[in-house]
PDB file of N, CA and C in Angstrom:
ATOM      1  N   MET A   1      11.282  -2.550 -23.045  1.00  0.00           N
ATOM      2  CA  MET A   1      10.914  -2.622 -21.372  1.00  0.00           C
ATOM      3  C   MET A   1      11.955  -2.208 -20.445  1.00  0.00           C
ATOM      4  N   LYS A   2      13.093  -2.244 -20.906  1.00  0.00           N
ATOM      5  CA  LYS A   2      14.674  -1.379 -20.152  1.00  0.00           C
ATOM      6  C   LYS A   2      14.204  -0.209 -19.898  1.00  0.00           C
ATOM      7  N   ILE A   3      14.180   0.464 -21.005  1.00  0.00           N
ATOM      8  CA  ILE A   3      14.056   1.760 -21.120  1.00  0.00           C
ATOM      9  C   ILE A   3      12.723   2.397 -20.183  1.00  0.00           C
ATOM     10  N   THR A   4      11.289   1.461 -20.307  1.00  0.00           N
ATOM     11  CA  THR A   4      10.527   1.875 -19.607  1.00  0.00           C
ATOM     12  C   THR A   4      10.668   2.068 -18.005  1.00  0.00           C
ATOM     13  N   VAL A   5      11.413   0.775 -17.602  1.00  0.00           N
ATOM     14  CA  VAL A   5      11.573   0.579 -16.618  1.00  0.00           C
ATOM     15  C   VAL A   5      12.442   1.590 -15.603  1.00  0.00           C
ATOM     16  N   ILE A   6      13.665   2.030 -16.457  1.00  0.00           N
ATOM     17  CA  ILE A   6      14.297   3.315 -16.050  1.00  0.00           C
ATOM     18  C   ILE A   6      13.425   4.393 -16.055  1.00  0.00           C
ATOM     19  N   VAL A   7      12.749   4.538 -16.964  1.00  0.00           N
ATOM     20  CA  VAL A   7      11.800   6.101 -16.990  1.00  0.00           C
ATOM     21  C   VAL A   7      10.903   5.878 -15.629  1.00  0.00           C
ATOM     22  N   ILE A   8      10.118   4.835 -15.570  1.00  0.00           N
ATOM     23  CA  ILE A   8       9.432   4.645 -14.195  1.00  0.00           C
ATOM     24  C   ILE A   8      10.244   4.563 -13.165  1.00  0.00           C
ATOM     25  N   ARG A   9      11.263   4.139 -13.223  1.00  0.00           N
ATOM     26  CA  ARG A   9      12.018   4.291 -11.835  1.00  0.00           C
ATOM     27  C   ARG A   9      12.464   5.561 -11.428  1.00  0.00           C
ATOM     28  N   VAL A  10      13.313   6.319 -12.314  1.00  0.00           N
ATOM     29  CA  VAL A  10      13.579   7.715 -12.020  1.00  0.00           C
ATOM     30  C   VAL A  10      11.833   8.394 -11.694  1.00  0.00           C
ATOM     31  N   LEU A  11      11.128   8.489 -12.262  1.00  0.00           N
ATOM     32  CA  LEU A  11       9.894   9.337 -12.066  1.00  0.00           C
ATOM     33  C   LEU A  11       9.532   9.069 -11.010  1.00  0.00           C
ATOM     34  N   LEU A  12       9.395   7.506 -10.495  1.00  0.00           N
ATOM     35  CA  LEU A  12       8.756   7.471  -8.958  1.00  0.00           C
ATOM     36  C   LEU A  12      10.068   7.890  -7.793  1.00  0.00           C
ATOM     37  N   ALA A  13      11.308   7.834  -8.184  1.00  0.00           N
ATOM     38  CA  ALA A  13      11.940   8.378  -7.283  1.00  0.00           C
ATOM     39  C   ALA A  13      12.005   9.687  -7.277  1.00  0.00           C
ATOM     40  N   ALA A  14      12.156  10.378  -8.156  1.00  0.00           N
ATOM     41  CA  ALA A  14      11.500  11.878  -8.328  1.00  0.00           C
ATOM     42  C   ALA A  14      10.561  12.455  -7.584  1.00  0.00           C
ATOM     43  N   MET A  15       9.424  11.928  -7.435  1.00  0.00           N
ATOM     44  CA  MET A  15       8.268  12.114  -6.751  1.00  0.00           C
ATOM     45  C   MET A  15       8.533  11.920  -5.086  1.00  0.00           C
ATOM     46  N   TYR A  16       9.299  10.774  -5.046  1.00  0.00           N
ATOM     47  CA  TYR A  16       9.796  10.604  -3.526  1.00  0.00           C
ATOM     48  C   TYR A  16      10.649  11.481  -2.922  1.00  0.00           C
ATOM     49  N   LEU A  17      11.370  11.913  -3.989  1.00  0.00           N
ATOM     50  CA  LEU A  17      12.632  13.093  -3.267  1.00  0.00           C
ATOM     51  C   LEU A  17      12.222  13.989  -3.237  1.00  0.00           C
ATOM     52  N   PHE A  18      11.251  14.629  -4.141  1.00  0.00           N
ATOM     53  CA  PHE A  18      10.542  16.057  -4.020  1.00  0.00           C
ATOM     54  C   PHE A  18       9.957  16.083  -2.976  1.00  0.00           C
ATOM     55  N   ALA A  19       9.052  15.098  -2.663  1.00  0.00           N
ATOM     56  CA  ALA A  19       8.118  15.033  -1.181  1.00  0.00           C
ATOM     57  C   ALA A  19       8.712  15.424  -0.109  1.00  0.00           C
ATOM     58  N   SER A  20       9.903  14.241   0.182  1.00  0.00           N
ATOM     59  CA  SER A  20      10.633  14.294   1.198  1.00  0.00           C
ATOM     60  C   SER A  20      11.615  15.556   1.543  1.00  0.00           C
ATOM     61  N   ILE A  21      11.975  15.953   0.438  1.00  0.00           N
ATOM     62  CA  ILE A  21      12.942  17.041   0.590  1.00  0.00           C
ATOM     63  C   ILE A  21      12.429  18.459   0.761  1.00  0.00           C
ATOM     64  N   SER A  22      10.815  18.568   0.128  1.00  0.00           N
ATOM     65  CA  SER A  22      10.537  19.544   0.437  1.00  0.00           C
ATOM     66  C   SER A  22       9.631  19.569   1.789  1.00  0.00           C
ATOM     67  N   TYR A  23       9.308  18.575   2.422  1.00  0.00           N
ATOM     68  CA  TYR A  23       9.098  18.579   3.969  1.00  0.00           C
ATOM     69  C   TYR A  23      10.542  18.961   4.924  1.00  0.00           C
ATOM     70  N   PHE A  24      11.369  18.727   4.475  1.00  0.00           N
ATOM     71  CA  PHE A  24      12.780  18.769   5.375  1.00  0.00           C
ATOM     72  C   PHE A  24      13.183  20.470   5.496  1.00  0.00           C
ATOM     73  N   LEU A  25      12.802  20.793   3.918  1.00  0.00           N
ATOM     74  CA  LEU A  25      13.397  22.274   4.066  1.00  0.00           C
ATOM     75  C   LEU A  25      12.485  23.229   3.998  1.00  0.00           C
ATOM     76  N   ASN A  26      11.073  22.974   3.664  1.00  0.00           N
ATOM     77  CA  ASN A  26       9.673  23.605   4.186  1.00  0.00           C
ATOM     78  C   ASN A  26       9.936  24.472   2.816  1.00  0.00           C
ATOM     79  N   PHE A  27       9.593  24.268   1.774  1.00  0.00           N
ATOM     80  CA  PHE A  27       9.526  24.952   0.320  1.00  0.00           C
ATOM     81  C   PHE A  27       8.526  24.589   0.052  1.00  0.00           C
ATOM     82  N   MET A  28       7.431  23.982   0.419  1.00  0.00           N
ATOM     83  CA  MET A  28       6.105  23.493  -0.036  1.00  0.00           C
ATOM     84  C   MET A  28       5.265  24.814   0.557  1.00  0.00           C
ATOM     85  N   PRO A  29       4.336  25.134  -0.548  1.00  0.00           N
ATOM     86  CA  PRO A  29       3.314  26.082   0.304  1.00  0.00           C
ATOM     87  C   PRO A  29       2.233  25.155   1.104  1.00  0.00           C
ATOM     88  N   LYS A  30       1.263  26.124   1.802  1.00  0.00           N
ATOM     89  CA  LYS A  30       0.675  25.702   3.143  1.00  0.00           C
ATOM     90  C   LYS A  30      -0.623  24.604   1.926  1.00  0.00           C
ATOM     91  N   ALA A  31      -0.484  23.424   2.547  1.00  0.00           N
ATOM     92  CA  ALA A  31      -1.825  22.676   2.222  1.00  0.00           C
ATOM     93  C   ALA A  31      -3.080  23.312   2.096  1.00  0.00           C
ATOM     94  N   PRO A  32      -3.895  23.028   1.278  1.00  0.00           N
ATOM     95  CA  PRO A  32      -5.573  23.547   1.365  1.00  0.00           C
ATOM     96  C   PRO A  32      -6.205  23.017   2.303  1.00  0.00           C
ATOM     97  N   GLU A  33      -7.624  23.627   2.889  1.00  0.00           N
ATOM     98  CA  GLU A  33      -8.394  23.554   3.620  1.00  0.00           C
ATOM     99  C   GLU A  33      -8.552  21.636   3.573  1.00  0.00           C
ATOM    100  N   MET A  34      -8.326  21.383   4.466  1.00  0.00           N
ATOM    101  CA  MET A  34      -9.068  19.822   4.906  1.00  0.00           C
ATOM    102  C   MET A  34     -10.369  19.540   5.363  1.00  0.00           C
ATOM    103  N   THR A  35     -10.627  18.445   5.029  1.00  0.00           N
ATOM    104  CA  THR A  35     -12.398  18.080   5.848  1.00  0.00           C
ATOM    105  C   THR A  35     -11.717  17.699   7.375  1.00  0.00           C
ATOM    106  N   ALA A  36     -12.730  17.164   7.714  1.00  0.00           N
ATOM    107  CA  ALA A  36     -12.755  16.960   9.225  1.00  0.00           C
ATOM    108  C   ALA A  36     -11.880  15.478   9.349  1.00  0.00           C
ATOM    109  N   ALA A  37     -12.370  14.830   8.239  1.00  0.00           N
ATOM    110  CA  ALA A  37     -11.641  13.463   8.532  1.00  0.00           C
ATOM    111  C   ALA A  37     -10.205  13.393   8.098  1.00  0.00           C
ATOM    112  N   GLN A  38      -9.829  14.315   7.482  1.00  0.00           N
ATOM    113  CA  GLN A  38      -8.246  14.655   7.023  1.00  0.00           C
ATOM    114  C   GLN A  38      -7.850  15.431   8.274  1.00  0.00           C
ATOM    115  N   THR A  39      -8.255  16.251   8.871  1.00  0.00           N
ATOM    116  CA  THR A  39      -7.735  16.951  10.162  1.00  0.00           C
ATOM    117  C   THR A  39      -7.579  15.759  11.441  1.00  0.00           C
ATOM    118  N   THR A  40      -8.809  15.110  11.355  1.00  0.00           N
ATOM    119  CA  THR A  40      -8.224  14.164  12.290  1.00  0.00           C
ATOM    120  C   THR A  40      -7.288  13.159  12.229  1.00  0.00           C
ATOM    121  N   PHE A  41      -7.048  12.821  10.893  1.00  0.00           N
ATOM    122  CA  PHE A  41      -5.841  11.994  10.561  1.00  0.00           C
ATOM    123  C   PHE A  41      -4.424  12.381  10.752  1.00  0.00           C
ATOM    124  N   MET A  42      -4.624  13.653  10.385  1.00  0.00           N
ATOM    125  CA  MET A  42      -3.099  14.272  10.327  1.00  0.00           C
ATOM    126  C   MET A  42      -3.074  14.723  11.672  1.00  0.00           C
ATOM    127  N   THR A  43      -4.048  15.116  12.607  1.00  0.00           N
ATOM    128  CA  THR A  43      -3.890  15.312  13.923  1.00  0.00           C
ATOM    129  C   THR A  43      -3.142  14.169  14.760  1.00  0.00           C
ATOM    130  N   GLY A  44      -3.805  13.160  14.394  1.00  0.00           N
ATOM    131  CA  GLY A  44      -3.196  12.114  15.053  1.00  0.00           C
ATOM    132  C   GLY A  44      -1.747  11.365  14.228  1.00  0.00           C
ATOM    133  N   LEU A  45      -1.432  11.969  13.445  1.00  0.00           N
ATOM    134  CA  LEU A  45      -0.254  11.572  12.649  1.00  0.00           C
ATOM    135  C   LEU A  45       0.708  12.496  12.982  1.00  0.00           C
ATOM    136  N   MET A  46       0.786  13.734  13.518  1.00  0.00           N
ATOM    137  CA  MET A  46       1.557  14.521  14.055  1.00  0.00           C
ATOM    138  C   MET A  46       1.757  14.444  15.552  1.00  0.00           C
ATOM    139  N   ALA A  47       0.612  13.904  16.241  1.00  0.00           N
ATOM    140  CA  ALA A  47       0.364  13.670  17.602  1.00  0.00           C
ATOM    141  C   ALA A  47       1.554  12.632  17.896  1.00  0.00           C
ATOM    142  N   SER A  48       1.591  11.755  17.354  1.00  0.00           N
ATOM    143  CA  SER A  48       2.849  10.788  17.519  1.00  0.00           C
ATOM    144  C   SER A  48       4.238  11.146  17.386  1.00  0.00           C
ATOM    145  N   VAL A  49       4.301  12.041  16.774  1.00  0.00           N
ATOM    146  CA  VAL A  49       5.732  12.874  16.763  1.00  0.00           C
ATOM    147  C   VAL A  49       6.829  12.228  16.086  1.00  0.00           C
ATOM    148  N   TYR A  50       6.885  11.073  15.864  1.00  0.00           N
ATOM    149  CA  TYR A  50       8.169  10.294  15.270  1.00  0.00           C
ATOM    150  C   TYR A  50       7.514   9.793  14.025  1.00  0.00           C
ATOM    151  N   LEU A  51       6.184   9.564  13.470  1.00  0.00           N
ATOM    152  CA  LEU A  51       5.886   8.985  12.663  1.00  0.00           C
ATOM    153  C   LEU A  51       5.603   9.332  11.221  1.00  0.00           C
ATOM    154  N   PHE A  52       5.438  10.923  11.065  1.00  0.00           N
ATOM    155  CA  PHE A  52       5.854  11.504   9.677  1.00  0.00           C
ATOM    156  C   PHE A  52       7.089  11.975   9.538  1.00  0.00           C
ATOM    157  N   PRO A  53       8.093  12.042  10.297  1.00  0.00           N
ATOM    158  CA  PRO A  53       9.507  12.523  10.036  1.00  0.00           C
ATOM    159  C   PRO A  53       9.837  10.965   9.463  1.00  0.00           C
ATOM    160  N   LEU A  54       9.301   9.837  10.076  1.00  0.00           N
ATOM    161  CA  LEU A  54       9.971   8.637   9.779  1.00  0.00           C
ATOM    162  C   LEU A  54       9.454   8.187   8.538  1.00  0.00           C
ATOM    163  N   ILE A  55       7.920   8.317   8.135  1.00  0.00           N
ATOM    164  CA  ILE A  55       7.549   8.142   6.572  1.00  0.00           C
ATOM    165  C   ILE A  55       8.480   8.952   5.637  1.00  0.00           C
ATOM    166  N   LYS A  56       8.896  10.617   6.059  1.00  0.00           N
ATOM    167  CA  LYS A  56       9.678  11.312   5.327  1.00  0.00           C
ATOM    168  C   LYS A  56      11.070  10.714   4.840  1.00  0.00           C
ATOM    169  N   ILE A  57      11.436  10.050   5.929  1.00  0.00           N
ATOM    170  CA  ILE A  57      12.966   9.371   6.025  1.00  0.00           C
ATOM    171  C   ILE A  57      12.660   8.288   4.859  1.00  0.00           C
ATOM    172  N   THR A  58      12.001   7.469   5.189  1.00  0.00           N
ATOM    173  CA  THR A  58      11.561   6.334   4.335  1.00  0.00           C
ATOM    174  C   THR A  58      11.630   6.641   3.125  1.00  0.00           C
ATOM    175  N   GLU A  59      10.709   7.797   2.652  1.00  0.00           N
ATOM    176  CA  GLU A  59      10.776   8.119   1.122  1.00  0.00           C
ATOM    177  C   GLU A  59      11.838   8.702   0.895  1.00  0.00           C
ATOM    178  N   LEU A  60      12.750   9.431   1.594  1.00  0.00           N
ATOM    179  CA  LEU A  60      13.999  10.037   0.937  1.00  0.00           C
ATOM    180  C   LEU A  60      14.867   8.564   0.546  1.00  0.00           C
ATOM    181  N   ILE A  61      15.193   7.981   1.509  1.00  0.00           N
ATOM    182  CA  ILE A  61      15.988   6.599   1.455  1.00  0.00           C
ATOM    183  C   ILE A  61      15.394   5.757   0.287  1.00  0.00           C
ATOM    184  N   GLY A  62      14.067   5.848  -0.008  1.00  0.00           N
ATOM    185  CA  GLY A  62      13.588   4.845  -1.065  1.00  0.00           C
ATOM    186  C   GLY A  62      13.632   5.687  -2.175  1.00  0.00           C
ATOM    187  N   GLY A  63      13.578   7.087  -2.309  1.00  0.00           N
ATOM    188  CA  GLY A  63      13.848   7.785  -3.643  1.00  0.00           C
ATOM    189  C   GLY A  63      15.334   7.862  -3.829  1.00  0.00           C
ATOM    190  N   ILE A  64      16.325   7.511  -3.129  1.00  0.00           N
ATOM    191  CA  ILE A  64      17.604   7.731  -3.639  1.00  0.00           C
ATOM    192  C   ILE A  64      17.936   6.391  -4.098  1.00  0.00           C
ATOM    193  N   LEU A  65      17.438   5.335  -3.124  1.00  0.00           N
ATOM    194  CA  LEU A  65      17.652   3.821  -3.636  1.00  0.00           C
ATOM    195  C   LEU A  65      17.350   3.590  -5.305  1.00  0.00           C
ATOM    196  N   LEU A  66      16.075   3.946  -5.423  1.00  0.00           N
ATOM    197  CA  LEU A  66      15.610   3.820  -6.731  1.00  0.00           C
ATOM    198  C   LEU A  66      16.454   4.306  -7.564  1.00  0.00           C
ATOM    199  N   LEU A  67      17.379   5.579  -7.485  1.00  0.00           N
ATOM    200  CA  LEU A  67      17.875   6.201  -8.300  1.00  0.00           C
ATOM    201  C   LEU A  67      19.389   5.451  -8.774  1.00  0.00           C
ATOM    202  N   ILE A  68      19.666   4.520  -7.816  1.00  0.00           N
ATOM    203  CA  ILE A  68      20.755   3.847  -7.720  1.00  0.00           C
ATOM    204  C   ILE A  68      20.271   2.659  -8.507  1.00  0.00           C
ATOM    205  N   ASN A  69      20.422   2.269  -9.653  1.00  0.00           N
ATOM    206  CA  ASN A  69      20.092   0.945 -10.098  1.00  0.00           C
ATOM    207  C   ASN A  69      20.572  -0.416  -9.422  1.00  0.00           C
ATOM    208  N   ARG A  70      21.363  -0.519  -8.958  1.00  0.00           N
ATOM    209  CA  ARG A  70      21.730  -1.932  -8.217  1.00  0.00           C
ATOM    210  C   ARG A  70      20.875  -2.194  -7.072  1.00  0.00           C
ATOM    211  N   THR A  71      20.309  -1.020  -6.230  1.00  0.00           N
ATOM    212  CA  THR A  71      19.566  -1.280  -5.260  1.00  0.00           C
ATOM    213  C   THR A  71      17.772  -0.790  -5.648  1.00  0.00           C
ATOM    214  N   ALA A  72      17.590  -0.831  -6.529  1.00  0.00           N
ATOM    215  CA  ALA A  72      16.114  -0.495  -7.011  1.00  0.00           C
ATOM    216  C   ALA A  72      15.058  -1.630  -6.676  1.00  0.00           C
ATOM    217  N   PRO A  73      15.459  -3.028  -6.547  1.00  0.00           N
ATOM    218  CA  PRO A  73      14.483  -4.239  -6.229  1.00  0.00           C
ATOM    219  C   PRO A  73      14.263  -3.957  -4.804  1.00  0.00           C
ATOM    220  N   LEU A  74      15.118  -3.629  -3.912  1.00  0.00           N
ATOM    221  CA  LEU A  74      15.512  -3.243  -2.696  1.00  0.00           C
ATOM    222  C   LEU A  74      14.461  -2.007  -2.184  1.00  0.00           C
ATOM    223  N   ALA A  75      14.581  -0.965  -2.811  1.00  0.00           N
ATOM    224  CA  ALA A  75      13.729   0.008  -2.926  1.00  0.00           C
ATOM    225  C   ALA A  75      12.330   0.067  -3.095  1.00  0.00           C
ATOM    226  N   THR A  76      11.794  -0.826  -4.313  1.00  0.00           N
ATOM    227  CA  THR A  76      10.380  -1.042  -4.436  1.00  0.00           C
ATOM    228  C   THR A  76       9.868  -1.951  -3.401  1.00  0.00           C
ATOM    229  N   ILE A  77      10.607  -2.565  -2.532  1.00  0.00           N
ATOM    230  CA  ILE A  77       9.859  -3.422  -1.478  1.00  0.00           C
ATOM    231  C   ILE A  77       9.543  -2.081  -0.407  1.00  0.00           C
ATOM    232  N   ILE A  78      10.873  -1.406  -0.301  1.00  0.00           N
ATOM    233  CA  ILE A  78      10.933  -0.559   1.028  1.00  0.00           C
ATOM    234  C   ILE A  78       9.695   0.614   0.815  1.00  0.00           C
ATOM    235  N   ILE A  79       9.447   1.016  -0.177  1.00  0.00           N
ATOM    236  CA  ILE A  79       8.699   1.983  -0.371  1.00  0.00           C
ATOM    237  C   ILE A  79       7.089   1.480  -0.963  1.00  0.00           C
ATOM    238  N   PHE A  80       6.919   0.409  -0.976  1.00  0.00           N
ATOM    239  CA  PHE A  80       5.676   0.064  -1.433  1.00  0.00           C
ATOM    240  C   PHE A  80       4.468   0.124  -0.062  1.00  0.00           C
ATOM    241  N   PRO A  81       4.910   0.160   1.203  1.00  0.00           N
ATOM    242  CA  PRO A  81       3.956   0.334   1.831  1.00  0.00           C
ATOM    243  C   PRO A  81       3.767   1.717   2.245  1.00  0.00           C
ATOM    244  N   VAL A  82       4.831   2.829   1.831  1.00  0.00           N
ATOM    245  CA  VAL A  82       4.569   4.290   1.721  1.00  0.00           C
ATOM    246  C   VAL A  82       3.495   4.551   0.627  1.00  0.00           C
ATOM    247  N   THR A  83       3.998   3.695  -0.301  1.00  0.00           N
ATOM    248  CA  THR A  83       2.912   3.673  -1.544  1.00  0.00           C
ATOM    249  C   THR A  83       1.247   3.800  -1.586  1.00  0.00           C
ATOM    250  N   LEU A  84       1.373   2.517  -0.642  1.00  0.00           N
ATOM    251  CA  LEU A  84      -0.058   2.078  -0.446  1.00  0.00           C
ATOM    252  C   LEU A  84      -1.021   2.542   0.421  1.00  0.00           C
ATOM    253  N   ASN A  85      -0.468   3.585   1.418  1.00  0.00           N
ATOM    254  CA  ASN A  85      -0.890   4.033   2.037  1.00  0.00           C
ATOM    255  C   ASN A  85      -1.108   5.445   1.532  1.00  0.00           C
ATOM    256  N   ILE A  86      -0.214   5.907   0.958  1.00  0.00           N
ATOM    257  CA  ILE A  86      -0.994   7.578   0.411  1.00  0.00           C
ATOM    258  C   ILE A  86      -1.970   7.031  -0.328  1.00  0.00           C
ATOM    259  N   PHE A  87      -2.030   5.867  -1.322  1.00  0.00           N
ATOM    260  CA  PHE A  87      -3.143   5.616  -2.421  1.00  0.00           C
ATOM    261  C   PHE A  87      -4.417   5.142  -1.332  1.00  0.00           C
ATOM    262  N   LEU A  88      -4.150   4.689  -0.176  1.00  0.00           N
ATOM    263  CA  LEU A  88      -5.643   4.723   0.477  1.00  0.00           C
ATOM    264  C   LEU A  88      -6.124   6.011   0.997  1.00  0.00           C
ATOM    265  N   TYR A  89      -4.834   6.504   1.595  1.00  0.00           N
ATOM    266  CA  TYR A  89      -5.775   7.995   2.347  1.00  0.00           C
ATOM    267  C   TYR A  89      -6.175   8.716   1.322  1.00  0.00           C
ATOM    268  N   THR A  90      -5.652   8.697   0.010  1.00  0.00           N
ATOM    269  CA  THR A  90      -5.924   9.434  -0.889  1.00  0.00           C
ATOM    270  C   THR A  90      -7.711   8.808  -1.481  1.00  0.00           C
ATOM    271  N   ALA A  91      -7.750   7.879  -1.373  1.00  0.00           N
ATOM    272  CA  ALA A  91      -9.151   6.828  -1.984  1.00  0.00           C
ATOM    273  C   ALA A  91     -10.139   7.203  -0.883  1.00  0.00           C
ATOM    274  N   PHE A  92     -10.196   7.371   0.307  1.00  0.00           N
ATOM    275  CA  PHE A  92     -10.851   7.475   1.224  1.00  0.00           C
ATOM    276  C   PHE A  92     -11.055   8.520   1.973  1.00  0.00           C
ATOM    277  N   LEU A  93     -10.137   9.485   2.282  1.00  0.00           N
ATOM    278  CA  LEU A  93     -10.122  10.512   2.588  1.00  0.00           C
ATOM    279  C   LEU A  93      -9.784  11.796   2.019  1.00  0.00           C
ATOM    280  N   ALA A  94      -9.317  11.967   1.088  1.00  0.00           N
ATOM    281  CA  ALA A  94      -8.934  13.244   0.110  1.00  0.00           C
ATOM    282  C   ALA A  94      -9.657  13.546  -0.701  1.00  0.00           C
ATOM    283  N   GLN A  95      -9.708  14.215  -1.792  1.00  0.00           N
ATOM    284  CA  GLN A  95     -10.403  14.836  -2.621  1.00  0.00           C
ATOM    285  C   GLN A  95     -10.531  13.881  -3.908  1.00  0.00           C
ATOM    286  N   PRO A  96     -11.748  13.343  -4.449  1.00  0.00           N
ATOM    287  CA  PRO A  96     -11.001  12.734  -5.889  1.00  0.00           C
ATOM    288  C   PRO A  96     -10.415  13.474  -6.851  1.00  0.00           C
ATOM    289  N   LYS A  97     -10.104  14.560  -6.706  1.00  0.00           N
ATOM    290  CA  LYS A  97      -9.124  15.016  -7.991  1.00  0.00           C
ATOM    291  C   LYS A  97      -7.718  14.533  -7.505  1.00  0.00           C
ATOM    292  N   ASP A  98      -7.245  14.312  -6.051  1.00  0.00           N
ATOM    293  CA  ASP A  98      -5.962  13.747  -6.267  1.00  0.00           C
ATOM    294  C   ASP A  98      -5.651  12.386  -6.067  1.00  0.00           C
ATOM    295  N   LEU A  99      -6.915  11.510  -6.582  1.00  0.00           N
ATOM    296  CA  LEU A  99      -6.575  10.382  -6.412  1.00  0.00           C
ATOM    297  C   LEU A  99      -5.896   9.868  -7.996  1.00  0.00           C
ATOM    298  N   PRO A 100      -5.949  10.402  -9.239  1.00  0.00           N
ATOM    299  CA  PRO A 100      -5.124   9.947 -10.379  1.00  0.00           C
ATOM    300  C   PRO A 100      -3.360   9.872  -9.959  1.00  0.00           C
ATOM    301  N   MET A 101      -2.847  11.096  -9.121  1.00  0.00           N
ATOM    302  CA  MET A 101      -1.699  10.794  -9.013  1.00  0.00           C
ATOM    303  C   MET A 101      -1.108   9.882  -8.185  1.00  0.00           C
ATOM    304  N   SER A 102      -1.855   9.704  -7.173  1.00  0.00           N
ATOM    305  CA  SER A 102      -1.797   8.729  -6.168  1.00  0.00           C
ATOM    306  C   SER A 102      -1.514   7.221  -6.857  1.00  0.00           C
ATOM    307  N   ALA A 103      -2.703   7.303  -8.207  1.00  0.00           N
ATOM    308  CA  ALA A 103      -3.023   6.006  -8.722  1.00  0.00           C
ATOM    309  C   ALA A 103      -1.594   5.587  -9.358  1.00  0.00           C
ATOM    310  N   VAL A 104      -1.277   6.682  -9.831  1.00  0.00           N
ATOM    311  CA  VAL A 104      -0.205   6.766 -10.830  1.00  0.00           C
ATOM    312  C   VAL A 104       1.234   6.135 -10.062  1.00  0.00           C
ATOM    313  N   MET A 105       1.312   6.619  -8.595  1.00  0.00           N
ATOM    314  CA  MET A 105       2.519   6.145  -7.960  1.00  0.00           C
ATOM    315  C   MET A 105       2.021   4.669  -7.642  1.00  0.00           C
ATOM    316  N   LEU A 106       1.138   4.287  -7.363  1.00  0.00           N
ATOM    317  CA  LEU A 106       0.798   2.886  -6.945  1.00  0.00           C
ATOM    318  C   LEU A 106       1.240   2.252  -8.510  1.00  0.00           C
ATOM    319  N   LEU A 107       0.699   2.280  -9.514  1.00  0.00           N
ATOM    320  CA  LEU A 107       0.704   1.415 -10.597  1.00  0.00           C
ATOM    321  C   LEU A 107       2.331   1.464 -10.922  1.00  0.00           C
ATOM    322  N   PHE A 108       2.768   2.462 -10.640  1.00  0.00           N
ATOM    323  CA  PHE A 108       4.563   2.927 -10.988  1.00  0.00           C
ATOM    324  C   PHE A 108       5.048   1.611 -10.052  1.00  0.00           C
ATOM    325  N   ASN A 109       4.891   1.293  -8.703  1.00  0.00           N
ATOM    326  CA  ASN A 109       4.933   0.626  -7.676  1.00  0.00           C
ATOM    327  C   ASN A 109       5.006  -0.587  -8.511  1.00  0.00           C
ATOM    328  N   LEU A 110       3.835  -0.931  -8.435  1.00  0.00           N
ATOM    329  CA  LEU A 110       3.260  -2.455  -8.884  1.00  0.00           C
ATOM    330  C   LEU A 110       4.254  -2.683 -10.418  1.00  0.00           C
ATOM    331  N   PHE A 111       4.347  -1.877 -11.199  1.00  0.00           N
ATOM    332  CA  PHE A 111       5.274  -2.502 -12.437  1.00  0.00           C
ATOM    333  C   PHE A 111       6.402  -2.335 -11.994  1.00  0.00           C
ATOM    334  N   LEU A 112       6.960  -1.770 -10.994  1.00  0.00           N
ATOM    335  CA  LEU A 112       8.561  -2.286 -10.902  1.00  0.00           C
ATOM    336  C   LEU A 112       8.573  -3.287  -9.928  1.00  0.00           C
ATOM    337  N   PHE A 113       7.694  -3.807  -9.350  1.00  0.00           N
ATOM    338  CA  PHE A 113       7.236  -5.312  -8.893  1.00  0.00           C
ATOM    339  C   PHE A 113       7.446  -6.175  -9.770  1.00  0.00           C
ATOM    340  N   TYR A 114       6.713  -5.863 -10.682  1.00  0.00           N
ATOM    341  CA  TYR A 114       6.851  -6.979 -11.889  1.00  0.00           C
ATOM    342  C   TYR A 114       8.149  -7.056 -12.619  1.00  0.00           C
ATOM    343  N   ALA A 115       8.578  -5.931 -13.054  1.00  0.00           N
ATOM    344  CA  ALA A 115      10.031  -5.468 -13.873  1.00  0.00           C
ATOM    345  C   ALA A 115      11.061  -6.350 -12.938  1.00  0.00           C
ATOM    346  N   TYR A 116      10.937  -6.336 -11.758  1.00  0.00           N
ATOM    347  CA  TYR A 116      11.682  -7.090 -10.971  1.00  0.00           C
ATOM    348  C   TYR A 116      11.875  -8.515  -9.919  1.00  0.00           C
ATOM    349  N   ARG A 117      10.470  -8.726 -10.651  1.00  0.00           N
ATOM    350  CA  ARG A 117      10.012 -10.087 -10.071  1.00  0.00           C
ATOM    351  C   ARG A 117      11.211 -11.189 -10.149  1.00  0.00           C
ATOM    352  N   ALA A 118      12.320 -11.306 -10.809  1.00  0.00           N
ATOM    353  CA  ALA A 118      13.225 -12.271 -10.753  1.00  0.00           C
ATOM    354  C   ALA A 118      13.742 -12.231  -9.833  1.00  0.00           C
ATOM    355  N   LYS A 119      14.261 -11.093  -9.240  1.00  0.00           N
ATOM    356  CA  LYS A 119      14.951 -10.843  -8.094  1.00  0.00           C
ATOM    357  C   LYS A 119      14.627 -11.216  -7.254  1.00  0.00           C
ATOM    358  N   TYR A 120      13.035 -11.172  -6.704  1.00  0.00           N
ATOM    359  CA  TYR A 120      12.245 -12.011  -5.505  1.00  0.00           C
ATOM    360  C   TYR A 120      11.809 -12.974  -5.497  1.00  0.00           C
ATOM    361  N   LEU A 121      12.179 -13.770  -6.822  1.00  0.00           N
ATOM    362  CA  LEU A 121      11.929 -15.294  -6.778  1.00  0.00           C
ATOM    363  C   LEU A 121      12.642 -16.040  -5.462  1.00  0.00           C
ATOM    364  N   PRO A 122      13.770 -15.938  -5.544  1.00  0.00           N
ATOM    365  CA  PRO A 122      14.524 -16.636  -4.362  1.00  0.00           C
ATOM    366  C   PRO A 122      14.095 -16.177  -3.288  1.00  0.00           C
ATOM    367  N   VAL A 123      13.620 -15.548  -2.532  1.00  0.00           N
ATOM    368  CA  VAL A 123      12.886 -15.137  -1.548  1.00  0.00           C
ATOM    369  C   VAL A 123      11.410 -15.775  -1.207  1.00  0.00           C
ATOM    370  N   VAL A 124      10.964 -15.905  -2.288  1.00  0.00           N
ATOM    371  CA  VAL A 124       9.599 -16.863  -1.995  1.00  0.00           C
ATOM    372  C   VAL A 124       9.597 -18.260  -2.272  1.00  0.00           C
ATOM    373  N   SER A 125      10.549 -18.785  -3.082  1.00  0.00           N
ATOM    374  CA  SER A 125      10.530 -20.302  -3.491  1.00  0.00           C
ATOM    375  C   SER A 125      11.336 -20.779  -2.490  1.00  0.00           C
ATOM    376  N   LYS A 126      11.274 -22.120  -2.666  1.00  0.00           N
ATOM    377  CA  LYS A 126      12.031 -23.236  -1.467  1.00  0.00           C
ATOM    378  C   LYS A 126      13.585 -23.404  -1.847  1.00  0.00           C
TER     379      LYS A 126
END
């Protein structure tokens, strides 16, 4: 179980670090054609000016914290809203071929919640 947690934690951190660093350094190729719903969503996201960079900074911080074993339970909580939104965006707006990757990210995050459940118990108990 311990090795599984380490592997999943590092894989999830790598996904988020790659996504955030590629955004800031612009080394990813242009995205393929988007549907009308995706274009509307992304236009609104970019029109807010601050929101997309905030998401990418959260991904970067979460990825770094996931790599540091001591802060992994905190990172799992911080990165969960981003993971859930990626999954929901993919499920409702993106093409079905993109769904498995976001589902894996969500499952990894949920697995880490389960693995670190003892760390969260003092927060929810009286």
